[in-house]
Amino acid sequence: MSIYVGNLSYDVTEEDLQTVFSDYGQVKRVYLPVDRETKRMRGFGFVEMSSDSEEETAIETLDGAQWMGRQMKVNKAKPREEGGNRRARF
């Protein structure tokens, strides 16, 4: 399972997300997509943790939390639909 993290500041780094989510368990991977043309962070990312229970705790705790001046949207990542643009890619 992967976690979708939305409404992020454009200044967030992978290390920032690693630090926040590590309070809830071992973070295996963090991915912050960037715009192909501008090379700018797109305002969302994905986090993968060691266990489903750690991910569920992080989701329950961080969804709606204020961080870096924004209210985070945190939930289970949904698989990308065939032919669509929305999928967690690791």
PDB file of N, CA and C in Angstrom:
ATOM      1  N   MET A   1       0.846  -1.181   0.000  1.00  0.00           N
ATOM      2  CA  MET A   1       0.000   0.000   0.000  1.00  0.00           C
ATOM      3  C   MET A   1       0.887   1.238   0.000  1.00  0.00           C
ATOM      4  N   SER A   2       0.458   2.252  -0.702  1.00  0.00           N
ATOM      5  CA  SER A   2       1.144   3.536  -0.702  1.00  0.00           C
ATOM      6  C   SER A   2       0.199   4.583  -0.141  1.00  0.00           C
ATOM      7  N   ILE A   3       0.788   5.649   0.365  1.00  0.00           N
ATOM      8  CA  ILE A   3       0.023   6.756   0.918  1.00  0.00           C
ATOM      9  C   ILE A   3       0.137   7.938  -0.035  1.00  0.00           C
ATOM     10  N   TYR A   4      -1.006   8.534  -0.373  1.00  0.00           N
ATOM     11  CA  TYR A   4      -1.034   9.775  -1.142  1.00  0.00           C
ATOM     12  C   TYR A   4      -1.004  10.931  -0.150  1.00  0.00           C
ATOM     13  N   VAL A   5      -0.150  11.915  -0.394  1.00  0.00           N
ATOM     14  CA  VAL A   5      -0.063  13.096   0.457  1.00  0.00           C
ATOM     15  C   VAL A   5      -0.255  14.310  -0.439  1.00  0.00           C
ATOM     16  N   GLY A   6      -1.366  15.019  -0.249  1.00  0.00           N
ATOM     17  CA  GLY A   6      -1.683  16.151  -1.106  1.00  0.00           C
ATOM     18  C   GLY A   6      -1.692  17.474  -0.370  1.00  0.00           C
ATOM     19  N   ASN A   7      -1.810  18.527  -1.160  1.00  0.00           N
ATOM     20  CA  ASN A   7      -1.820  19.911  -0.681  1.00  0.00           C
ATOM     21  C   ASN A   7      -0.515  20.258   0.029  1.00  0.00           C
ATOM     22  N   LEU A   8       0.587  19.817  -0.551  1.00  0.00           N
ATOM     23  CA  LEU A   8       1.897  20.089   0.025  1.00  0.00           C
ATOM     24  C   LEU A   8       2.451  21.425  -0.474  1.00  0.00           C
ATOM     25  N   SER A   9       3.247  22.044   0.352  1.00  0.00           N
ATOM     26  CA  SER A   9       3.981  23.235  -0.048  1.00  0.00           C
ATOM     27  C   SER A   9       4.940  22.850  -1.177  1.00  0.00           C
ATOM     28  N   TYR A  10       5.165  23.771  -2.100  1.00  0.00           N
ATOM     29  CA  TYR A  10       6.103  23.505  -3.188  1.00  0.00           C
ATOM     30  C   TYR A  10       7.545  23.466  -2.694  1.00  0.00           C
ATOM     31  N   ASP A  11       7.757  23.852  -1.444  1.00  0.00           N
ATOM     32  CA  ASP A  11       9.097  23.831  -0.856  1.00  0.00           C
ATOM     33  C   ASP A  11       9.427  22.516  -0.155  1.00  0.00           C
ATOM     34  N   VAL A  12       8.470  21.601  -0.056  1.00  0.00           N
ATOM     35  CA  VAL A  12       8.684  20.331   0.641  1.00  0.00           C
ATOM     36  C   VAL A  12       9.709  19.487  -0.109  1.00  0.00           C
ATOM     37  N   THR A  13      10.558  18.814   0.654  1.00  0.00           N
ATOM     38  CA  THR A  13      11.531  17.883   0.078  1.00  0.00           C
ATOM     39  C   THR A  13      11.182  16.461   0.497  1.00  0.00           C
ATOM     40  N   GLU A  14      11.804  15.502  -0.161  1.00  0.00           N
ATOM     41  CA  GLU A  14      11.605  14.105   0.227  1.00  0.00           C
ATOM     42  C   GLU A  14      12.056  13.882   1.665  1.00  0.00           C
ATOM     43  N   GLU A  15      13.123  14.569   2.064  1.00  0.00           N
ATOM     44  CA  GLU A  15      13.622  14.441   3.435  1.00  0.00           C
ATOM     45  C   GLU A  15      12.602  14.972   4.447  1.00  0.00           C
ATOM     46  N   ASP A  16      11.904  16.063   4.099  1.00  0.00           N
ATOM     47  CA  ASP A  16      10.862  16.607   4.979  1.00  0.00           C
ATOM     48  C   ASP A  16       9.770  15.567   5.223  1.00  0.00           C
ATOM     49  N   LEU A  17       9.279  14.951   4.146  1.00  0.00           N
ATOM     50  CA  LEU A  17       8.224  13.939   4.285  1.00  0.00           C
ATOM     51  C   LEU A  17       8.744  12.725   5.045  1.00  0.00           C
ATOM     52  N   GLN A  18       9.965  12.331   4.771  1.00  0.00           N
ATOM     53  CA  GLN A  18      10.581  11.195   5.484  1.00  0.00           C
ATOM     54  C   GLN A  18      10.549  11.461   6.992  1.00  0.00           C
ATOM     55  N   THR A  19      10.924  12.665   7.386  1.00  0.00           N
ATOM     56  CA  THR A  19      10.970  13.023   8.801  1.00  0.00           C
ATOM     57  C   THR A  19       9.588  12.982   9.437  1.00  0.00           C
ATOM     58  N   VAL A  20       8.600  13.568   8.776  1.00  0.00           N
ATOM     59  CA  VAL A  20       7.239  13.604   9.328  1.00  0.00           C
ATOM     60  C   VAL A  20       6.662  12.202   9.472  1.00  0.00           C
ATOM     61  N   PHE A  21       6.787  11.388   8.433  1.00  0.00           N
ATOM     62  CA  PHE A  21       6.178  10.060   8.459  1.00  0.00           C
ATOM     63  C   PHE A  21       6.961   9.077   9.321  1.00  0.00           C
ATOM     64  N   SER A  22       8.229   9.325   9.560  1.00  0.00           N
ATOM     65  CA  SER A  22       9.014   8.402  10.383  1.00  0.00           C
ATOM     66  C   SER A  22       8.554   8.396  11.839  1.00  0.00           C
ATOM     67  N   ASP A  23       7.793   9.399  12.245  1.00  0.00           N
ATOM     68  CA  ASP A  23       7.193   9.380  13.585  1.00  0.00           C
ATOM     69  C   ASP A  23       6.182   8.243  13.739  1.00  0.00           C
ATOM     70  N   TYR A  24       5.729   7.663  12.624  1.00  0.00           N
ATOM     71  CA  TYR A  24       4.689   6.633  12.658  1.00  0.00           C
ATOM     72  C   TYR A  24       5.204   5.267  12.232  1.00  0.00           C
ATOM     73  N   GLY A  25       6.509   5.148  11.964  1.00  0.00           N
ATOM     74  CA  GLY A  25       7.085   3.872  11.595  1.00  0.00           C
ATOM     75  C   GLY A  25       8.217   4.059  10.598  1.00  0.00           C
ATOM     76  N   GLN A  26       8.670   2.948  10.050  1.00  0.00           N
ATOM     77  CA  GLN A  26       9.787   2.964   9.111  1.00  0.00           C
ATOM     78  C   GLN A  26       9.302   3.336   7.709  1.00  0.00           C
ATOM     79  N   VAL A  27       9.861   4.397   7.167  1.00  0.00           N
ATOM     80  CA  VAL A  27       9.520   4.845   5.823  1.00  0.00           C
ATOM     81  C   VAL A  27      10.425   4.114   4.833  1.00  0.00           C
ATOM     82  N   LYS A  28       9.809   3.413   3.885  1.00  0.00           N
ATOM     83  CA  LYS A  28      10.577   2.668   2.892  1.00  0.00           C
ATOM     84  C   LYS A  28      10.912   3.533   1.681  1.00  0.00           C
ATOM     85  N   ARG A  29       9.985   4.420   1.312  1.00  0.00           N
ATOM     86  CA  ARG A  29      10.184   5.207   0.098  1.00  0.00           C
ATOM     87  C   ARG A  29       9.328   6.453   0.106  1.00  0.00           C
ATOM     88  N   VAL A  30       9.863   7.532  -0.449  1.00  0.00           N
ATOM     89  CA  VAL A  30       9.133   8.784  -0.633  1.00  0.00           C
ATOM     90  C   VAL A  30       9.322   9.205  -2.086  1.00  0.00           C
ATOM     91  N   TYR A  31       8.244   9.635  -2.719  1.00  0.00           N
ATOM     92  CA  TYR A  31       8.314  10.082  -4.114  1.00  0.00           C
ATOM     93  C   TYR A  31       7.539  11.383  -4.264  1.00  0.00           C
ATOM     94  N   LEU A  32       8.202  12.417  -4.769  1.00  0.00           N
ATOM     95  CA  LEU A  32       7.574  13.707  -5.036  1.00  0.00           C
ATOM     96  C   LEU A  32       7.667  13.983  -6.540  1.00  0.00           C
ATOM     97  N   PRO A  33       6.557  13.839  -7.256  1.00  0.00           N
ATOM     98  CA  PRO A  33       6.600  14.090  -8.701  1.00  0.00           C
ATOM     99  C   PRO A  33       6.885  15.560  -9.003  1.00  0.00           C
ATOM    100  N   VAL A  34       7.588  15.783 -10.098  1.00  0.00           N
ATOM    101  CA  VAL A  34       7.846  17.146 -10.553  1.00  0.00           C
ATOM    102  C   VAL A  34       7.262  17.321 -11.950  1.00  0.00           C
ATOM    103  N   ASP A  35       6.892  18.543 -12.259  1.00  0.00           N
ATOM    104  CA  ASP A  35       6.375  18.876 -13.573  1.00  0.00           C
ATOM    105  C   ASP A  35       7.482  18.684 -14.604  1.00  0.00           C
ATOM    106  N   ARG A  36       7.179  18.033 -15.697  1.00  0.00           N
ATOM    107  CA  ARG A  36       8.191  17.739 -16.721  1.00  0.00           C
ATOM    108  C   ARG A  36       8.767  18.995 -17.356  1.00  0.00           C
ATOM    109  N   GLU A  37       7.933  19.992 -17.547  1.00  0.00           N
ATOM    110  CA  GLU A  37       8.388  21.203 -18.229  1.00  0.00           C
ATOM    111  C   GLU A  37       9.066  22.186 -17.289  1.00  0.00           C
ATOM    112  N   THR A  38       8.460  22.436 -16.137  1.00  0.00           N
ATOM    113  CA  THR A  38       8.994  23.461 -15.231  1.00  0.00           C
ATOM    114  C   THR A  38       9.973  22.905 -14.208  1.00  0.00           C
ATOM    115  N   LYS A  39       9.981  21.580 -14.049  1.00  0.00           N
ATOM    116  CA  LYS A  39      10.824  20.895 -13.044  1.00  0.00           C
ATOM    117  C   LYS A  39      10.452  21.307 -11.621  1.00  0.00           C
ATOM    118  N   ARG A  40       9.268  21.854 -11.460  1.00  0.00           N
ATOM    119  CA  ARG A  40       8.778  22.296 -10.158  1.00  0.00           C
ATOM    120  C   ARG A  40       7.954  21.185  -9.504  1.00  0.00           C
ATOM    121  N   MET A  41       8.071  21.069  -8.181  1.00  0.00           N
ATOM    122  CA  MET A  41       7.281  20.098  -7.428  1.00  0.00           C
ATOM    123  C   MET A  41       5.792  20.358  -7.694  1.00  0.00           C
ATOM    124  N   ARG A  42       5.002  19.291  -7.778  1.00  0.00           N
ATOM    125  CA  ARG A  42       3.601  19.408  -8.168  1.00  0.00           C
ATOM    126  C   ARG A  42       2.627  19.563  -7.003  1.00  0.00           C
ATOM    127  N   GLY A  43       3.114  19.555  -5.768  1.00  0.00           N
ATOM    128  CA  GLY A  43       2.235  19.792  -4.631  1.00  0.00           C
ATOM    129  C   GLY A  43       1.633  18.543  -4.009  1.00  0.00           C
ATOM    130  N   PHE A  44       2.098  17.381  -4.448  1.00  0.00           N
ATOM    131  CA  PHE A  44       1.649  16.131  -3.838  1.00  0.00           C
ATOM    132  C   PHE A  44       2.781  15.127  -3.908  1.00  0.00           C
ATOM    133  N   GLY A  45       2.619  14.026  -3.169  1.00  0.00           N
ATOM    134  CA  GLY A  45       3.638  12.992  -3.175  1.00  0.00           C
ATOM    135  C   GLY A  45       3.091  11.673  -2.684  1.00  0.00           C
ATOM    136  N   PHE A  46       3.966  10.699  -2.607  1.00  0.00           N
ATOM    137  CA  PHE A  46       3.602   9.358  -2.165  1.00  0.00           C
ATOM    138  C   PHE A  46       4.627   8.867  -1.157  1.00  0.00           C
ATOM    139  N   VAL A  47       4.131   8.164  -0.146  1.00  0.00           N
ATOM    140  CA  VAL A  47       4.989   7.599   0.892  1.00  0.00           C
ATOM    141  C   VAL A  47       4.645   6.122   1.027  1.00  0.00           C
ATOM    142  N   GLU A  48       5.658   5.297   1.132  1.00  0.00           N
ATOM    143  CA  GLU A  48       5.466   3.867   1.373  1.00  0.00           C
ATOM    144  C   GLU A  48       6.148   3.536   2.689  1.00  0.00           C
ATOM    145  N   MET A  49       5.427   2.823   3.554  1.00  0.00           N
ATOM    146  CA  MET A  49       5.964   2.468   4.864  1.00  0.00           C
ATOM    147  C   MET A  49       6.088   0.952   4.980  1.00  0.00           C
ATOM    148  N   SER A  50       6.728   0.498   6.055  1.00  0.00           N
ATOM    149  CA  SER A  50       7.040  -0.923   6.230  1.00  0.00           C
ATOM    150  C   SER A  50       5.827  -1.815   6.416  1.00  0.00           C
ATOM    151  N   SER A  51       4.775  -1.292   7.034  1.00  0.00           N
ATOM    152  CA  SER A  51       3.614  -2.150   7.287  1.00  0.00           C
ATOM    153  C   SER A  51       2.320  -1.381   7.080  1.00  0.00           C
ATOM    154  N   ASP A  52       1.267  -2.122   6.817  1.00  0.00           N
ATOM    155  CA  ASP A  52      -0.057  -1.505   6.650  1.00  0.00           C
ATOM    156  C   ASP A  52      -0.499  -0.790   7.918  1.00  0.00           C
ATOM    157  N   SER A  53      -0.189  -1.367   9.083  1.00  0.00           N
ATOM    158  CA  SER A  53      -0.626  -0.735  10.335  1.00  0.00           C
ATOM    159  C   SER A  53       0.065   0.617  10.538  1.00  0.00           C
ATOM    160  N   GLU A  54       1.348   0.713  10.163  1.00  0.00           N
ATOM    161  CA  GLU A  54       2.050   1.993  10.265  1.00  0.00           C
ATOM    162  C   GLU A  54       1.444   3.014   9.305  1.00  0.00           C
ATOM    163  N   GLU A  55       1.135   2.571   8.100  1.00  0.00           N
ATOM    164  CA  GLU A  55       0.527   3.474   7.121  1.00  0.00           C
ATOM    165  C   GLU A  55      -0.842   3.945   7.590  1.00  0.00           C
ATOM    166  N   GLU A  56      -1.640   3.043   8.137  1.00  0.00           N
ATOM    167  CA  GLU A  56      -2.971   3.420   8.614  1.00  0.00           C
ATOM    168  C   GLU A  56      -2.891   4.424   9.755  1.00  0.00           C
ATOM    169  N   THR A  57      -1.953   4.235  10.668  1.00  0.00           N
ATOM    170  CA  THR A  57      -1.766   5.177  11.772  1.00  0.00           C
ATOM    171  C   THR A  57      -1.360   6.545  11.250  1.00  0.00           C
ATOM    172  N   ALA A  58      -0.431   6.572  10.296  1.00  0.00           N
ATOM    173  CA  ALA A  58       0.012   7.841   9.713  1.00  0.00           C
ATOM    174  C   ALA A  58      -1.145   8.548   9.013  1.00  0.00           C
ATOM    175  N   ILE A  59      -1.944   7.804   8.262  1.00  0.00           N
ATOM    176  CA  ILE A  59      -3.094   8.387   7.555  1.00  0.00           C
ATOM    177  C   ILE A  59      -4.073   8.983   8.554  1.00  0.00           C
ATOM    178  N   GLU A  60      -4.445   8.214   9.571  1.00  0.00           N
ATOM    179  CA  GLU A  60      -5.419   8.679  10.567  1.00  0.00           C
ATOM    180  C   GLU A  60      -4.933   9.925  11.294  1.00  0.00           C
ATOM    181  N   THR A  61      -3.636   9.978  11.582  1.00  0.00           N
ATOM    182  CA  THR A  61      -3.079  11.079  12.361  1.00  0.00           C
ATOM    183  C   THR A  61      -2.832  12.321  11.511  1.00  0.00           C
ATOM    184  N   LEU A  62      -2.336  12.144  10.298  1.00  0.00           N
ATOM    185  CA  LEU A  62      -1.881  13.289   9.504  1.00  0.00           C
ATOM    186  C   LEU A  62      -2.926  13.870   8.553  1.00  0.00           C
ATOM    187  N   ASP A  63      -3.971  13.123   8.221  1.00  0.00           N
ATOM    188  CA  ASP A  63      -4.988  13.670   7.321  1.00  0.00           C
ATOM    189  C   ASP A  63      -5.643  14.889   7.957  1.00  0.00           C
ATOM    190  N   GLY A  64      -5.537  16.018   7.297  1.00  0.00           N
ATOM    191  CA  GLY A  64      -6.111  17.263   7.798  1.00  0.00           C
ATOM    192  C   GLY A  64      -5.186  18.068   8.693  1.00  0.00           C
ATOM    193  N   ALA A  65      -4.004  17.530   8.978  1.00  0.00           N
ATOM    194  CA  ALA A  65      -3.057  18.232   9.853  1.00  0.00           C
ATOM    195  C   ALA A  65      -2.452  19.439   9.134  1.00  0.00           C
ATOM    196  N   GLN A  66      -2.191  20.482   9.905  1.00  0.00           N
ATOM    197  CA  GLN A  66      -1.513  21.667   9.378  1.00  0.00           C
ATOM    198  C   GLN A  66      -0.009  21.401   9.366  1.00  0.00           C
ATOM    199  N   TRP A  67       0.626  21.657   8.214  1.00  0.00           N
ATOM    200  CA  TRP A  67       2.072  21.466   8.096  1.00  0.00           C
ATOM    201  C   TRP A  67       2.603  22.396   7.030  1.00  0.00           C
ATOM    202  N   MET A  68       3.592  23.164   7.383  1.00  0.00           N
ATOM    203  CA  MET A  68       4.220  24.130   6.487  1.00  0.00           C
ATOM    204  C   MET A  68       3.193  25.097   5.889  1.00  0.00           C
ATOM    205  N   GLY A  69       2.236  25.498   6.737  1.00  0.00           N
ATOM    206  CA  GLY A  69       1.238  26.475   6.320  1.00  0.00           C
ATOM    207  C   GLY A  69       0.104  25.934   5.477  1.00  0.00           C
ATOM    208  N   ARG A  70      -0.008  24.630   5.377  1.00  0.00           N
ATOM    209  CA  ARG A  70      -1.082  24.021   4.573  1.00  0.00           C
ATOM    210  C   ARG A  70      -1.738  22.869   5.325  1.00  0.00           C
ATOM    211  N   GLN A  71      -2.982  22.597   4.962  1.00  0.00           N
ATOM    212  CA  GLN A  71      -3.696  21.467   5.553  1.00  0.00           C
ATOM    213  C   GLN A  71      -3.492  20.255   4.640  1.00  0.00           C
ATOM    214  N   MET A  72      -2.753  19.273   5.143  1.00  0.00           N
ATOM    215  CA  MET A  72      -2.434  18.095   4.334  1.00  0.00           C
ATOM    216  C   MET A  72      -3.655  17.226   4.083  1.00  0.00           C
ATOM    217  N   LYS A  73      -3.677  16.625   2.908  1.00  0.00           N
ATOM    218  CA  LYS A  73      -4.655  15.608   2.551  1.00  0.00           C
ATOM    219  C   LYS A  73      -3.885  14.300   2.469  1.00  0.00           C
ATOM    220  N   VAL A  74      -4.199  13.360   3.355  1.00  0.00           N
ATOM    221  CA  VAL A  74      -3.444  12.104   3.431  1.00  0.00           C
ATOM    222  C   VAL A  74      -4.424  10.939   3.372  1.00  0.00           C
ATOM    223  N   ASN A  75      -4.243  10.053   2.376  1.00  0.00           N
ATOM    224  CA  ASN A  75      -5.096   8.869   2.273  1.00  0.00           C
ATOM    225  C   ASN A  75      -4.376   7.773   1.494  1.00  0.00           C
ATOM    226  N   LYS A  76      -5.017   6.607   1.403  1.00  0.00           N
ATOM    227  CA  LYS A  76      -4.439   5.507   0.639  1.00  0.00           C
ATOM    228  C   LYS A  76      -4.365   5.932  -0.826  1.00  0.00           C
ATOM    229  N   ALA A  77      -3.227   5.672  -1.442  1.00  0.00           N
ATOM    230  CA  ALA A  77      -3.077   5.971  -2.861  1.00  0.00           C
ATOM    231  C   ALA A  77      -3.933   5.005  -3.662  1.00  0.00           C
ATOM    232  N   LYS A  78      -4.555   5.525  -4.709  1.00  0.00           N
ATOM    233  CA  LYS A  78      -5.379   4.691  -5.575  1.00  0.00           C
ATOM    234  C   LYS A  78      -4.578   4.333  -6.821  1.00  0.00           C
ATOM    235  N   PRO A  79      -4.733   3.112  -7.299  1.00  0.00           N
ATOM    236  CA  PRO A  79      -4.008   2.723  -8.517  1.00  0.00           C
ATOM    237  C   PRO A  79      -4.431   3.587  -9.693  1.00  0.00           C
ATOM    238  N   ARG A  80      -3.493   3.843 -10.571  1.00  0.00           N
ATOM    239  CA  ARG A  80      -3.788   4.628 -11.771  1.00  0.00           C
ATOM    240  C   ARG A  80      -4.706   3.819 -12.675  1.00  0.00           C
ATOM    241  N   GLU A  81      -5.682   4.499 -13.238  1.00  0.00           N
ATOM    242  CA  GLU A  81      -6.593   3.844 -14.170  1.00  0.00           C
ATOM    243  C   GLU A  81      -5.915   3.753 -15.524  1.00  0.00           C
ATOM    244  N   GLU A  82      -6.195   2.686 -16.250  1.00  0.00           N
ATOM    245  CA  GLU A  82      -5.607   2.525 -17.579  1.00  0.00           C
ATOM    246  C   GLU A  82      -5.985   3.723 -18.439  1.00  0.00           C
ATOM    247  N   GLY A  83      -4.985   4.307 -19.086  1.00  0.00           N
ATOM    248  CA  GLY A  83      -5.221   5.442 -19.957  1.00  0.00           C
ATOM    249  C   GLY A  83      -5.381   6.755 -19.221  1.00  0.00           C
ATOM    250  N   GLY A  84      -5.315   6.745 -17.894  1.00  0.00           N
ATOM    251  CA  GLY A  84      -5.494   7.969 -17.117  1.00  0.00           C
ATOM    252  C   GLY A  84      -4.181   8.505 -16.606  1.00  0.00           C
ATOM    253  N   ASN A  85      -4.259   9.604 -15.893  1.00  0.00           N
ATOM    254  CA  ASN A  85      -3.059  10.240 -15.359  1.00  0.00           C
ATOM    255  C   ASN A  85      -2.874  10.021 -13.885  1.00  0.00           C
ATOM    256  N   ARG A  86      -3.762   9.311 -13.207  1.00  0.00           N
ATOM    257  CA  ARG A  86      -3.721   9.240 -11.758  1.00  0.00           C
ATOM    258  C   ARG A  86      -3.344   7.852 -11.283  1.00  0.00           C
ATOM    259  N   ARG A  87      -2.126   7.730 -10.793  1.00  0.00           N
ATOM    260  CA  ARG A  87      -1.689   6.447 -10.222  1.00  0.00           C
ATOM    261  C   ARG A  87      -0.427   6.700  -9.413  1.00  0.00           C
ATOM    262  N   ALA A  88      -0.310   5.943  -8.378  1.00  0.00           N
ATOM    263  CA  ALA A  88       0.921   6.002  -7.587  1.00  0.00           C
ATOM    264  C   ALA A  88       1.986   5.234  -8.361  1.00  0.00           C
ATOM    265  N   ARG A  89       3.044   5.909  -8.726  1.00  0.00           N
ATOM    266  CA  ARG A  89       4.114   5.246  -9.473  1.00  0.00           C
ATOM    267  C   ARG A  89       5.367   5.237  -8.605  1.00  0.00           C
ATOM    268  N   PHE A  90       5.811   4.050  -8.286  1.00  0.00           N
ATOM    269  CA  PHE A  90       7.057   3.904  -7.531  1.00  0.00           C
ATOM    270  C   PHE A  90       8.024   3.107  -8.344  1.00  0.00           C
TER     271      PHE A  90
END
